[in-house]
Amino acid sequence: RAVEEGRGLVVIVNKMDLLSGRQNSALYKRVKEAVPQEIQTVIPQVTGIPVVFTSALEGRGRIAVMHQVIDTYQKWCLRLPTSRLNRWLRKVMGRHSWKDQSAQPKIKYFTQVKARPPTFVAFLSGKKTLSDAELRFLTKSLKEDFDLGGIPIRITQRSVPRKCGSSSSRQNTGQKVGRTFSDKRTVPL
């Protein structure tokens, strides 16, 4: 439900005091490795969800929880300037291996229209839309390059009409393409 609402996620694992001591040190390490992987399996829509291990009985991890919550909230409220996003887009499109240049999507520019959750719009030339794989690639790249792990990201697409000599085509700034991508499993058409 948190992913559907576009909220940032932090997972807190309590009762780590039960795994303290020398006899449980190997188990403690295995739990610290396995829990983030299991969370990623259970919630695959959002990558990089931070996990904080605590012990309420001993009071360990309280400050780490607060630091992680504040950090996640700041990421959730992040606003990225269009110029920075367009520089990022050129770099990302260059590092992706397209089968040929004609297969590469023609994204004119990329901008953030909303924070909480971060929502972006890709303005495309022509009537072609981005495939689900291309949207997943852009989402993953955004999360990695701007450190947005644990935050649901939404990407919308708009088409930019080709410029013609008439003034009516200049007034039309873009039409919505009927598909929005989010970190949810289903993509509405």
Protein backbone atom coordinates (compact mmCIF):
# COMPACT_ATOMS: atom_id res chain seq x y z
CA ARG A 1 0.00 0.00 0.00
CA ALA A 2 2.91 2.37 0.74
CA VAL A 3 4.22 1.85 -2.79
CA GLU A 4 0.78 2.55 -4.31
CA GLU A 5 0.57 5.78 -2.31
CA GLY A 6 4.07 6.78 -3.44
CA ARG A 7 5.64 6.82 0.03
CA GLY A 8 9.29 6.30 0.88
CA LEU A 9 10.12 3.06 2.64
CA VAL A 10 12.43 2.16 5.54
CA VAL A 11 12.39 -1.34 7.01
CA ILE A 12 13.26 -1.74 10.69
CA VAL A 13 14.23 -5.18 11.99
CA ASN A 14 13.92 -5.52 15.75
CA LYS A 15 14.97 -8.26 18.21
CA MET A 16 18.60 -8.32 17.06
CA ASP A 17 19.58 -8.69 20.73
CA LEU A 18 18.49 -12.34 20.46
CA LEU A 19 21.37 -12.92 18.04
CA SER A 20 24.11 -11.39 20.18
CA GLY A 21 27.01 -13.36 21.60
CA ARG A 22 29.80 -15.43 20.11
CA GLN A 23 27.69 -18.52 19.42
CA ASN A 24 25.27 -16.49 17.25
CA SER A 25 27.77 -14.31 15.37
CA ALA A 26 27.56 -16.39 12.16
CA LEU A 27 23.76 -16.37 12.33
CA TYR A 28 23.79 -12.61 12.97
CA LYS A 29 25.84 -12.04 9.79
CA ARG A 30 23.57 -14.32 7.74
CA VAL A 31 20.46 -12.48 8.95
CA LYS A 32 21.98 -9.08 8.08
CA GLU A 33 22.68 -10.34 4.54
CA ALA A 34 19.44 -12.27 4.00
CA VAL A 35 16.88 -9.71 5.23
CA PRO A 36 17.57 -7.02 2.56
CA GLN A 37 17.48 -9.69 -0.16
CA GLU A 38 14.19 -11.07 1.16
CA ILE A 39 12.67 -7.58 1.32
CA GLN A 40 13.69 -6.98 -2.29
CA THR A 41 11.96 -10.26 -3.20
CA VAL A 42 8.78 -9.35 -1.32
CA ILE A 43 8.65 -5.74 -2.60
CA PRO A 44 10.29 -5.83 -6.06
CA GLN A 45 8.61 -2.59 -7.19
CA VAL A 46 10.96 -0.41 -5.14
CA THR A 47 14.68 -1.11 -5.19
CA GLY A 48 17.24 -0.17 -2.59
CA ILE A 49 14.94 -0.10 0.43
CA PRO A 50 17.11 0.76 3.46
CA VAL A 51 17.09 -1.75 6.32
CA VAL A 52 17.97 -0.79 9.90
CA PHE A 53 18.64 -3.46 12.53
CA THR A 54 17.63 -2.57 16.09
CA SER A 55 17.19 -3.91 19.57
CA ALA A 56 14.48 -2.14 21.52
CA LEU A 57 15.42 -4.04 24.66
CA GLU A 58 19.01 -2.78 24.58
CA GLY A 59 18.19 0.53 22.89
CA ARG A 60 20.51 -0.13 19.93
CA GLY A 61 19.71 1.40 16.56
CA ARG A 62 17.34 4.18 17.66
CA ILE A 63 19.54 6.94 16.26
CA ALA A 64 20.19 4.98 13.07
CA VAL A 65 16.43 4.66 12.54
CA MET A 66 15.90 8.41 12.89
CA HIS A 67 18.81 9.21 10.56
CA GLN A 68 17.47 6.79 7.94
CA VAL A 69 13.91 8.15 8.19
CA ILE A 70 15.15 11.73 7.76
CA ASP A 71 17.39 10.70 4.84
CA THR A 72 14.50 8.89 3.13
CA TYR A 73 12.18 11.86 3.66
CA GLN A 74 14.75 14.21 2.09
CA LYS A 75 15.06 11.89 -0.93
CA TRP A 76 11.27 11.74 -1.19
CA CYS A 77 11.09 15.57 -1.26
CA LEU A 78 14.02 15.98 -3.68
CA ARG A 79 13.61 18.38 -6.62
CA LEU A 80 16.04 17.99 -9.51
CA PRO A 81 16.53 20.87 -11.96
CA THR A 82 15.68 20.21 -15.60
CA SER A 83 19.18 21.13 -16.78
CA ARG A 84 20.74 18.53 -14.46
CA LEU A 85 18.21 15.90 -15.56
CA ASN A 86 18.90 16.58 -19.24
CA ARG A 87 22.69 16.25 -18.69
CA TRP A 88 21.99 13.00 -16.86
CA LEU A 89 19.71 11.82 -19.68
CA ARG A 90 22.39 12.38 -22.35
CA LYS A 91 24.90 10.44 -20.24
CA VAL A 92 22.47 7.58 -19.54
CA MET A 93 21.33 7.25 -23.14
CA GLY A 94 24.96 7.12 -24.21
CA ARG A 95 25.86 4.31 -21.83
CA HIS A 96 22.91 2.09 -22.78
CA SER A 97 23.75 -0.27 -25.62
CA TRP A 98 21.07 0.15 -28.25
CA LYS A 99 20.93 -2.36 -31.08
CA ASP A 100 21.14 0.51 -33.53
CA GLN A 101 20.66 4.25 -33.33
CA SER A 102 17.19 4.06 -34.86
CA ALA A 103 16.06 1.88 -31.93
CA GLN A 104 17.07 4.56 -29.43
CA PRO A 105 14.04 6.51 -28.20
CA LYS A 106 13.97 10.17 -29.16
CA ILE A 107 13.56 11.93 -25.84
CA LYS A 108 13.68 15.69 -26.36
CA TYR A 109 13.98 16.51 -22.68
CA PHE A 110 13.27 15.15 -19.23
CA THR A 111 11.90 17.16 -16.32
CA GLN A 112 10.58 16.68 -12.81
CA VAL A 113 7.04 17.93 -12.39
CA LYS A 114 6.41 16.90 -8.80
CA ALA A 115 8.10 15.73 -5.63
CA ARG A 116 6.58 13.48 -2.94
CA PRO A 117 6.87 11.08 -4.75
CA PRO A 118 9.35 12.17 -7.43
CA THR A 119 7.39 12.33 -10.69
CA PHE A 120 9.11 12.93 -14.01
CA VAL A 121 7.93 13.62 -17.56
CA ALA A 122 9.79 12.44 -20.65
CA PHE A 123 8.97 14.59 -23.67
CA LEU A 124 9.27 12.47 -26.81
CA SER A 125 9.46 13.58 -30.41
CA GLY A 126 6.87 12.07 -32.68
CA LYS A 127 4.20 9.63 -31.61
CA LYS A 128 6.50 6.84 -30.45
CA THR A 129 6.31 5.89 -26.76
CA LEU A 130 8.90 4.33 -24.50
CA SER A 131 8.65 0.60 -23.96
CA ASP A 132 8.33 -0.89 -20.49
CA ALA A 133 11.96 -2.01 -20.63
CA GLU A 134 13.12 1.53 -21.48
CA LEU A 135 11.04 2.96 -18.63
CA ARG A 136 12.50 0.42 -16.20
CA PHE A 137 15.98 1.32 -17.44
CA LEU A 138 15.35 5.04 -16.85
CA THR A 139 13.86 4.37 -13.40
CA LYS A 140 16.77 2.18 -12.36
CA SER A 141 19.28 4.74 -13.65
CA LEU A 142 17.52 7.57 -11.78
CA LYS A 143 17.64 5.59 -8.55
CA GLU A 144 21.30 4.67 -8.95
CA ASP A 145 22.62 8.03 -10.15
CA PHE A 146 20.63 10.23 -7.75
CA ASP A 147 20.64 7.82 -4.77
CA LEU A 148 16.87 7.39 -4.61
CA GLY A 149 16.75 3.88 -3.14
CA GLY A 150 13.54 3.13 -1.25
CA ILE A 151 11.60 5.86 -3.05
CA PRO A 152 8.87 5.04 -5.62
CA ILE A 153 9.52 6.95 -8.84
CA ARG A 154 6.92 7.75 -11.48
CA ILE A 155 7.63 8.55 -15.11
CA THR A 156 5.00 9.93 -17.50
CA GLN A 157 5.40 10.41 -21.23
CA ARG A 158 4.29 13.24 -23.48
CA SER A 159 4.72 13.70 -27.17
CA VAL A 160 6.13 16.91 -28.57
CA PRO A 161 4.63 17.75 -31.96
CA ARG A 162 6.99 18.51 -34.79
CA LYS A 163 7.45 22.19 -35.49
CA CYS A 164 5.69 23.44 -38.59
CA GLY A 165 5.35 26.87 -40.08
CA SER A 166 1.91 27.49 -38.56
CA SER A 167 1.51 29.30 -35.26
CA SER A 168 -1.11 26.81 -34.01
CA SER A 169 1.47 24.03 -33.78
CA ARG A 170 3.74 26.21 -31.64
CA GLN A 171 0.99 26.83 -29.11
CA ASN A 172 0.51 23.11 -28.49
CA THR A 173 3.20 22.30 -25.94
CA GLY A 174 2.58 18.58 -25.77
CA GLN A 175 -0.06 15.94 -25.69
CA LYS A 176 -0.26 13.22 -23.11
CA VAL A 177 0.54 9.76 -24.25
CA GLY A 178 -1.86 7.31 -22.66
CA ARG A 179 0.62 5.41 -20.51
CA THR A 180 2.18 6.20 -17.15
CA PHE A 181 4.94 4.16 -15.59
CA SER A 182 5.44 3.81 -11.91
CA ASP A 183 7.18 1.38 -9.62
CA LYS A 184 3.97 -0.61 -9.47
CA ARG A 185 3.85 -3.97 -11.20
CA THR A 186 0.94 -3.08 -13.48
CA VAL A 187 1.21 -0.39 -16.10
CA PRO A 188 -2.14 1.20 -17.01
CA LEU A 189 -2.76 1.63 -20.72
